Amino acid sequence: MRPGYGIGVMADILGLDALLAQLMTALGLAMVAGNGFAMWKHARGEVPEGVKGAYRPGRARFLLAVGLVISIWGLAGLVI
């Protein structure tokens, strides 16, 4: 194998580091948006059609916080 050629070079060529950070940011923001929307709909007293389970505010807040952490982590990976 030639010096300076390997997995690190392929990751740079394909942009895998940036892609992973973008995917993490997108996943985190989707979690924030989805759980925020669920909390907003529940506060308005609306229930989606065909839903059998009960609204669990603790779970929605926890997943919103997890999504926020993931999106901040992804953005930090893009910036740094």
PDB file of N, CA and C in Angstrom:
ATOM      1  N   MET A   1       0.837  -1.173   0.000  1.00  0.00           N
ATOM      2  CA  MET A   1       0.000   0.000   0.000  1.00  0.00           C
ATOM      3  C   MET A   1       0.886   1.242   0.000  1.00  0.00           C
ATOM      4  N   ARG A   2       0.520   2.206  -0.798  1.00  0.00           N
ATOM      5  CA  ARG A   2       1.309   3.432  -0.885  1.00  0.00           C
ATOM      6  C   ARG A   2       1.112   4.288   0.360  1.00  0.00           C
ATOM      7  N   PRO A   3       2.147   5.003   0.775  1.00  0.00           N
ATOM      8  CA  PRO A   3       1.986   5.899   1.924  1.00  0.00           C
ATOM      9  C   PRO A   3       1.003   7.022   1.597  1.00  0.00           C
ATOM     10  N   GLY A   4       0.178   7.359   2.545  1.00  0.00           N
ATOM     11  CA  GLY A   4      -0.773   8.447   2.351  1.00  0.00           C
ATOM     12  C   GLY A   4      -2.059   8.027   1.663  1.00  0.00           C
ATOM     13  N   TYR A   5      -2.203   6.742   1.414  1.00  0.00           N
ATOM     14  CA  TYR A   5      -3.425   6.268   0.765  1.00  0.00           C
ATOM     15  C   TYR A   5      -4.061   5.229   1.668  1.00  0.00           C
ATOM     16  N   GLY A   6      -5.318   5.409   1.969  1.00  0.00           N
ATOM     17  CA  GLY A   6      -5.991   4.449   2.838  1.00  0.00           C
ATOM     18  C   GLY A   6      -7.404   4.877   3.125  1.00  0.00           C
ATOM     19  N   ILE A   7      -7.910   4.405   4.244  1.00  0.00           N
ATOM     20  CA  ILE A   7      -9.299   4.657   4.606  1.00  0.00           C
ATOM     21  C   ILE A   7      -9.543   6.138   4.843  1.00  0.00           C
ATOM     22  N   GLY A   8      -8.598   6.815   5.472  1.00  0.00           N
ATOM     23  CA  GLY A   8      -8.754   8.247   5.736  1.00  0.00           C
ATOM     24  C   GLY A   8      -8.876   9.054   4.464  1.00  0.00           C
ATOM     25  N   VAL A   9      -8.123   8.667   3.446  1.00  0.00           N
ATOM     26  CA  VAL A   9      -8.185   9.376   2.171  1.00  0.00           C
ATOM     27  C   VAL A   9      -9.531   9.139   1.501  1.00  0.00           C
ATOM     28  N   MET A  10     -10.023   7.916   1.553  1.00  0.00           N
ATOM     29  CA  MET A  10     -11.324   7.611   0.938  1.00  0.00           C
ATOM     30  C   MET A  10     -12.452   8.349   1.652  1.00  0.00           C
ATOM     31  N   ALA A  11     -12.350   8.456   2.971  1.00  0.00           N
ATOM     32  CA  ALA A  11     -13.370   9.196   3.728  1.00  0.00           C
ATOM     33  C   ALA A  11     -13.364  10.664   3.331  1.00  0.00           C
ATOM     34  N   ASP A  12     -12.181  11.203   3.086  1.00  0.00           N
ATOM     35  CA  ASP A  12     -12.087  12.602   2.658  1.00  0.00           C
ATOM     36  C   ASP A  12     -12.644  12.788   1.247  1.00  0.00           C
ATOM     37  N   ILE A  13     -12.351  11.853   0.363  1.00  0.00           N
ATOM     38  CA  ILE A  13     -12.823  11.958  -1.016  1.00  0.00           C
ATOM     39  C   ILE A  13     -14.346  11.866  -1.071  1.00  0.00           C
ATOM     40  N   LEU A  14     -14.913  10.920  -0.343  1.00  0.00           N
ATOM     41  CA  LEU A  14     -16.361  10.715  -0.368  1.00  0.00           C
ATOM     42  C   LEU A  14     -17.110  11.680   0.546  1.00  0.00           C
ATOM     43  N   GLY A  15     -16.423  12.344   1.449  1.00  0.00           N
ATOM     44  CA  GLY A  15     -17.067  13.276   2.365  1.00  0.00           C
ATOM     45  C   GLY A  15     -17.915  12.589   3.420  1.00  0.00           C
ATOM     46  N   LEU A  16     -17.475  11.423   3.874  1.00  0.00           N
ATOM     47  CA  LEU A  16     -18.275  10.647   4.824  1.00  0.00           C
ATOM     48  C   LEU A  16     -18.410  11.332   6.180  1.00  0.00           C
ATOM     49  N   ASP A  17     -17.388  12.066   6.594  1.00  0.00           N
ATOM     50  CA  ASP A  17     -17.466  12.771   7.881  1.00  0.00           C
ATOM     51  C   ASP A  17     -18.579  13.819   7.852  1.00  0.00           C
ATOM     52  N   ALA A  18     -18.629  14.585   6.786  1.00  0.00           N
ATOM     53  CA  ALA A  18     -19.664  15.615   6.662  1.00  0.00           C
ATOM     54  C   ALA A  18     -21.042  14.977   6.493  1.00  0.00           C
ATOM     55  N   LEU A  19     -21.103  13.872   5.758  1.00  0.00           N
ATOM     56  CA  LEU A  19     -22.386  13.198   5.550  1.00  0.00           C
ATOM     57  C   LEU A  19     -22.947  12.670   6.864  1.00  0.00           C
ATOM     58  N   LEU A  20     -22.089  12.075   7.681  1.00  0.00           N
ATOM     59  CA  LEU A  20     -22.539  11.565   8.978  1.00  0.00           C
ATOM     60  C   LEU A  20     -23.032  12.689   9.874  1.00  0.00           C
ATOM     61  N   ALA A  21     -22.328  13.808   9.874  1.00  0.00           N
ATOM     62  CA  ALA A  21     -22.753  14.954  10.678  1.00  0.00           C
ATOM     63  C   ALA A  21     -24.086  15.511  10.171  1.00  0.00           C
ATOM     64  N   GLN A  22     -24.267  15.544   8.861  1.00  0.00           N
ATOM     65  CA  GLN A  22     -25.534  16.021   8.299  1.00  0.00           C
ATOM     66  C   GLN A  22     -26.678  15.080   8.638  1.00  0.00           C
ATOM     67  N   LEU A  23     -26.435  13.772   8.588  1.00  0.00           N
ATOM     68  CA  LEU A  23     -27.474  12.803   8.940  1.00  0.00           C
ATOM     69  C   LEU A  23     -27.849  12.895  10.415  1.00  0.00           C
ATOM     70  N   MET A  24     -26.859  13.091  11.283  1.00  0.00           N
ATOM     71  CA  MET A  24     -27.148  13.250  12.709  1.00  0.00           C
ATOM     72  C   MET A  24     -27.967  14.508  12.960  1.00  0.00           C
ATOM     73  N   THR A  25     -27.605  15.590  12.282  1.00  0.00           N
ATOM     74  CA  THR A  25     -28.343  16.841  12.442  1.00  0.00           C
ATOM     75  C   THR A  25     -29.780  16.668  11.967  1.00  0.00           C
ATOM     76  N   ALA A  26     -29.961  16.022  10.822  1.00  0.00           N
ATOM     77  CA  ALA A  26     -31.308  15.819  10.281  1.00  0.00           C
ATOM     78  C   ALA A  26     -32.147  14.930  11.192  1.00  0.00           C
ATOM     79  N   LEU A  27     -31.561  13.865  11.708  1.00  0.00           N
ATOM     80  CA  LEU A  27     -32.290  12.974  12.607  1.00  0.00           C
ATOM     81  C   LEU A  27     -32.698  13.705  13.884  1.00  0.00           C
ATOM     82  N   GLY A  28     -31.773  14.455  14.463  1.00  0.00           N
ATOM     83  CA  GLY A  28     -32.076  15.200  15.687  1.00  0.00           C
ATOM     84  C   GLY A  28     -33.160  16.235  15.474  1.00  0.00           C
ATOM     85  N   LEU A  29     -33.070  16.974  14.360  1.00  0.00           N
ATOM     86  CA  LEU A  29     -34.096  17.988  14.088  1.00  0.00           C
ATOM     87  C   LEU A  29     -35.451  17.353  13.799  1.00  0.00           C
ATOM     88  N   ALA A  30     -35.453  16.172  13.171  1.00  0.00           N
ATOM     89  CA  ALA A  30     -36.718  15.473  12.935  1.00  0.00           C
ATOM     90  C   ALA A  30     -37.346  15.029  14.255  1.00  0.00           C
ATOM     91  N   MET A  31     -36.517  14.582  15.193  1.00  0.00           N
ATOM     92  CA  MET A  31     -37.042  14.197  16.504  1.00  0.00           C
ATOM     93  C   MET A  31     -37.594  15.406  17.247  1.00  0.00           C
ATOM     94  N   VAL A  32     -36.886  16.528  17.172  1.00  0.00           N
ATOM     95  CA  VAL A  32     -37.354  17.747  17.832  1.00  0.00           C
ATOM     96  C   VAL A  32     -38.671  18.208  17.211  1.00  0.00           C
ATOM     97  N   ALA A  33     -38.745  18.224  15.891  1.00  0.00           N
ATOM     98  CA  ALA A  33     -39.956  18.687  15.214  1.00  0.00           C
ATOM     99  C   ALA A  33     -41.139  17.758  15.477  1.00  0.00           C
ATOM    100  N   GLY A  34     -40.911  16.455  15.401  1.00  0.00           N
ATOM    101  CA  GLY A  34     -41.993  15.496  15.605  1.00  0.00           C
ATOM    102  C   GLY A  34     -42.547  15.521  17.016  1.00  0.00           C
ATOM    103  N   ASN A  35     -41.674  15.514  18.004  1.00  0.00           N
ATOM    104  CA  ASN A  35     -42.144  15.527  19.382  1.00  0.00           C
ATOM    105  C   ASN A  35     -42.705  16.884  19.779  1.00  0.00           C
ATOM    106  N   GLY A  36     -42.123  17.950  19.244  1.00  0.00           N
ATOM    107  CA  GLY A  36     -42.693  19.276  19.496  1.00  0.00           C
ATOM    108  C   GLY A  36     -44.092  19.401  18.916  1.00  0.00           C
ATOM    109  N   PHE A  37     -44.287  18.850  17.720  1.00  0.00           N
ATOM    110  CA  PHE A  37     -45.606  18.875  17.092  1.00  0.00           C
ATOM    111  C   PHE A  37     -46.615  18.045  17.883  1.00  0.00           C
ATOM    112  N   ALA A  38     -46.165  16.886  18.398  1.00  0.00           N
ATOM    113  CA  ALA A  38     -47.051  16.048  19.213  1.00  0.00           C
ATOM    114  C   ALA A  38     -47.447  16.763  20.498  1.00  0.00           C
ATOM    115  N   MET A  39     -46.491  17.456  21.115  1.00  0.00           N
ATOM    116  CA  MET A  39     -46.806  18.198  22.336  1.00  0.00           C
ATOM    117  C   MET A  39     -47.758  19.352  22.043  1.00  0.00           C
ATOM    118  N   TRP A  40     -47.566  20.026  20.921  1.00  0.00           N
ATOM    119  CA  TRP A  40     -48.427  21.142  20.538  1.00  0.00           C
ATOM    120  C   TRP A  40     -49.850  20.661  20.244  1.00  0.00           C
ATOM    121  N   LYS A  41     -49.975  19.535  19.520  1.00  0.00           N
ATOM    122  CA  LYS A  41     -51.300  18.990  19.215  1.00  0.00           C
ATOM    123  C   LYS A  41     -52.013  18.560  20.497  1.00  0.00           C
ATOM    124  N   HIS A  42     -51.274  17.963  21.431  1.00  0.00           N
ATOM    125  CA  HIS A  42     -51.889  17.537  22.682  1.00  0.00           C
ATOM    126  C   HIS A  42     -52.353  18.743  23.500  1.00  0.00           C
ATOM    127  N   ALA A  43     -51.576  19.810  23.480  1.00  0.00           N
ATOM    128  CA  ALA A  43     -51.957  21.013  24.227  1.00  0.00           C
ATOM    129  C   ALA A  43     -53.231  21.625  23.655  1.00  0.00           C
ATOM    130  N   ARG A  44     -53.460  21.456  22.359  1.00  0.00           N
ATOM    131  CA  ARG A  44     -54.676  21.970  21.716  1.00  0.00           C
ATOM    132  C   ARG A  44     -55.854  21.014  21.872  1.00  0.00           C
ATOM    133  N   GLY A  45     -55.597  19.806  22.408  1.00  0.00           N
ATOM    134  CA  GLY A  45     -56.662  18.834  22.632  1.00  0.00           C
ATOM    135  C   GLY A  45     -56.985  17.991  21.414  1.00  0.00           C
ATOM    136  N   GLU A  46     -56.127  17.971  20.420  1.00  0.00           N
ATOM    137  CA  GLU A  46     -56.365  17.202  19.205  1.00  0.00           C
ATOM    138  C   GLU A  46     -55.699  15.835  19.317  1.00  0.00           C
ATOM    139  N   VAL A  47     -56.367  14.824  18.760  1.00  0.00           N
ATOM    140  CA  VAL A  47     -55.847  13.463  18.757  1.00  0.00           C
ATOM    141  C   VAL A  47     -55.803  12.992  17.301  1.00  0.00           C
ATOM    142  N   PRO A  48     -54.666  12.432  16.849  1.00  0.00           N
ATOM    143  CA  PRO A  48     -54.595  11.929  15.483  1.00  0.00           C
ATOM    144  C   PRO A  48     -55.585  10.786  15.254  1.00  0.00           C
ATOM    145  N   GLU A  49     -56.035  10.640  14.019  1.00  0.00           N
ATOM    146  CA  GLU A  49     -56.982   9.574  13.689  1.00  0.00           C
ATOM    147  C   GLU A  49     -56.302   8.216  13.792  1.00  0.00           C
ATOM    148  N   GLY A  50     -57.013   7.251  14.327  1.00  0.00           N
ATOM    149  CA  GLY A  50     -56.523   5.885  14.393  1.00  0.00           C
ATOM    150  C   GLY A  50     -55.516   5.605  15.484  1.00  0.00           C
ATOM    151  N   VAL A  51     -55.312   6.532  16.407  1.00  0.00           N
ATOM    152  CA  VAL A  51     -54.347   6.328  17.482  1.00  0.00           C
ATOM    153  C   VAL A  51     -55.058   5.646  18.642  1.00  0.00           C
ATOM    154  N   LYS A  52     -54.465   4.536  19.109  1.00  0.00           N
ATOM    155  CA  LYS A  52     -55.072   3.794  20.211  1.00  0.00           C
ATOM    156  C   LYS A  52     -54.415   4.101  21.547  1.00  0.00           C
ATOM    157  N   GLY A  53     -53.115   4.396  21.543  1.00  0.00           N
ATOM    158  CA  GLY A  53     -52.379   4.623  22.777  1.00  0.00           C
ATOM    159  C   GLY A  53     -52.609   6.008  23.350  1.00  0.00           C
ATOM    160  N   ALA A  54     -52.228   6.157  24.597  1.00  0.00           N
ATOM    161  CA  ALA A  54     -52.365   7.436  25.294  1.00  0.00           C
ATOM    162  C   ALA A  54     -51.131   8.291  25.062  1.00  0.00           C
ATOM    163  N   TYR A  55     -51.303   9.581  25.155  1.00  0.00           N
ATOM    164  CA  TYR A  55     -50.193  10.527  25.056  1.00  0.00           C
ATOM    165  C   TYR A  55     -49.363  10.445  26.329  1.00  0.00           C
ATOM    166  N   ARG A  56     -48.058  10.304  26.180  1.00  0.00           N
ATOM    167  CA  ARG A  56     -47.173  10.226  27.337  1.00  0.00           C
ATOM    168  C   ARG A  56     -46.234  11.426  27.305  1.00  0.00           C
ATOM    169  N   PRO A  57     -46.526  12.443  28.125  1.00  0.00           N
ATOM    170  CA  PRO A  57     -45.732  13.669  28.069  1.00  0.00           C
ATOM    171  C   PRO A  57     -44.273  13.479  28.475  1.00  0.00           C
ATOM    172  N   GLY A  58     -44.001  12.577  29.409  1.00  0.00           N
ATOM    173  CA  GLY A  58     -42.621  12.337  29.822  1.00  0.00           C
ATOM    174  C   GLY A  58     -41.776  11.789  28.681  1.00  0.00           C
ATOM    175  N   ARG A  59     -42.354  10.868  27.919  1.00  0.00           N
ATOM    176  CA  ARG A  59     -41.646  10.296  26.784  1.00  0.00           C
ATOM    177  C   ARG A  59     -41.407  11.347  25.708  1.00  0.00           C
ATOM    178  N   ALA A  60     -42.413  12.166  25.445  1.00  0.00           N
ATOM    179  CA  ALA A  60     -42.271  13.205  24.419  1.00  0.00           C
ATOM    180  C   ALA A  60     -41.188  14.208  24.807  1.00  0.00           C
ATOM    181  N   ARG A  61     -41.144  14.612  26.064  1.00  0.00           N
ATOM    182  CA  ARG A  61     -40.114  15.556  26.517  1.00  0.00           C
ATOM    183  C   ARG A  61     -38.723  14.928  26.456  1.00  0.00           C
ATOM    184  N   PHE A  62     -38.623  13.651  26.864  1.00  0.00           N
ATOM    185  CA  PHE A  62     -37.343  12.955  26.830  1.00  0.00           C
ATOM    186  C   PHE A  62     -36.819  12.849  25.396  1.00  0.00           C
ATOM    187  N   LEU A  63     -37.671  12.425  24.466  1.00  0.00           N
ATOM    188  CA  LEU A  63     -37.244  12.282  23.079  1.00  0.00           C
ATOM    189  C   LEU A  63     -36.958  13.635  22.436  1.00  0.00           C
ATOM    190  N   LEU A  64     -37.658  14.673  22.851  1.00  0.00           N
ATOM    191  CA  LEU A  64     -37.355  16.018  22.370  1.00  0.00           C
ATOM    192  C   LEU A  64     -35.955  16.434  22.834  1.00  0.00           C
ATOM    193  N   ALA A  65     -35.626  16.152  24.088  1.00  0.00           N
ATOM    194  CA  ALA A  65     -34.302  16.491  24.613  1.00  0.00           C
ATOM    195  C   ALA A  65     -33.210  15.672  23.923  1.00  0.00           C
ATOM    196  N   VAL A  66     -33.474  14.390  23.679  1.00  0.00           N
ATOM    197  CA  VAL A  66     -32.504  13.544  22.975  1.00  0.00           C
ATOM    198  C   VAL A  66     -32.285  14.064  21.559  1.00  0.00           C
ATOM    199  N   GLY A  67     -33.359  14.442  20.884  1.00  0.00           N
ATOM    200  CA  GLY A  67     -33.233  15.004  19.541  1.00  0.00           C
ATOM    201  C   GLY A  67     -32.449  16.303  19.533  1.00  0.00           C
ATOM    202  N   LEU A  68     -32.640  17.110  20.549  1.00  0.00           N
ATOM    203  CA  LEU A  68     -31.896  18.361  20.654  1.00  0.00           C
ATOM    204  C   LEU A  68     -30.397  18.097  20.839  1.00  0.00           C
ATOM    205  N   VAL A  69     -30.065  17.125  21.680  1.00  0.00           N
ATOM    206  CA  VAL A  69     -28.656  16.771  21.898  1.00  0.00           C
ATOM    207  C   VAL A  69     -28.034  16.225  20.614  1.00  0.00           C
ATOM    208  N   ILE A  70     -28.754  15.350  19.917  1.00  0.00           N
ATOM    209  CA  ILE A  70     -28.232  14.780  18.676  1.00  0.00           C
ATOM    210  C   ILE A  70     -28.035  15.859  17.620  1.00  0.00           C
ATOM    211  N   SER A  71     -28.978  16.775  17.494  1.00  0.00           N
ATOM    212  CA  SER A  71     -28.844  17.819  16.476  1.00  0.00           C
ATOM    213  C   SER A  71     -27.695  18.780  16.817  1.00  0.00           C
ATOM    214  N   ILE A  72     -27.505  19.112  18.075  1.00  0.00           N
ATOM    215  CA  ILE A  72     -26.375  19.963  18.468  1.00  0.00           C
ATOM    216  C   ILE A  72     -25.057  19.232  18.216  1.00  0.00           C
ATOM    217  N   TRP A  73     -25.031  17.953  18.488  1.00  0.00           N
ATOM    218  CA  TRP A  73     -23.834  17.157  18.253  1.00  0.00           C
ATOM    219  C   TRP A  73     -23.512  17.112  16.747  1.00  0.00           C
ATOM    220  N   GLY A  74     -24.535  16.932  15.924  1.00  0.00           N
ATOM    221  CA  GLY A  74     -24.325  16.926  14.483  1.00  0.00           C
ATOM    222  C   GLY A  74     -23.860  18.271  13.956  1.00  0.00           C
ATOM    223  N   LEU A  75     -24.452  19.350  14.461  1.00  0.00           N
ATOM    224  CA  LEU A  75     -24.018  20.686  14.039  1.00  0.00           C
ATOM    225  C   LEU A  75     -22.582  20.971  14.479  1.00  0.00           C
ATOM    226  N   ALA A  76     -22.228  20.519  15.662  1.00  0.00           N
ATOM    227  CA  ALA A  76     -20.851  20.703  16.120  1.00  0.00           C
ATOM    228  C   ALA A  76     -19.884  19.931  15.232  1.00  0.00           C
ATOM    229  N   GLY A  77     -20.298  18.753  14.777  1.00  0.00           N
ATOM    230  CA  GLY A  77     -19.456  17.985  13.871  1.00  0.00           C
ATOM    231  C   GLY A  77     -19.280  18.651  12.527  1.00  0.00           C
ATOM    232  N   LEU A  78     -20.269  19.404  12.091  1.00  0.00           N
ATOM    233  CA  LEU A  78     -20.148  20.124  10.828  1.00  0.00           C
ATOM    234  C   LEU A  78     -19.255  21.353  10.964  1.00  0.00           C
ATOM    235  N   VAL A  79     -19.352  22.030  12.101  1.00  0.00           N
ATOM    236  CA  VAL A  79     -18.618  23.288  12.299  1.00  0.00           C
ATOM    237  C   VAL A  79     -17.159  23.036  12.669  1.00  0.00           C
ATOM    238  N   ILE A  80     -16.945  22.093  13.560  1.00  0.00           N
ATOM    239  CA  ILE A  80     -15.573  21.850  14.062  1.00  0.00           C
ATOM    240  C   ILE A  80     -14.797  20.977  13.101  1.00  0.00           C
TER     241      ILE A  80
END
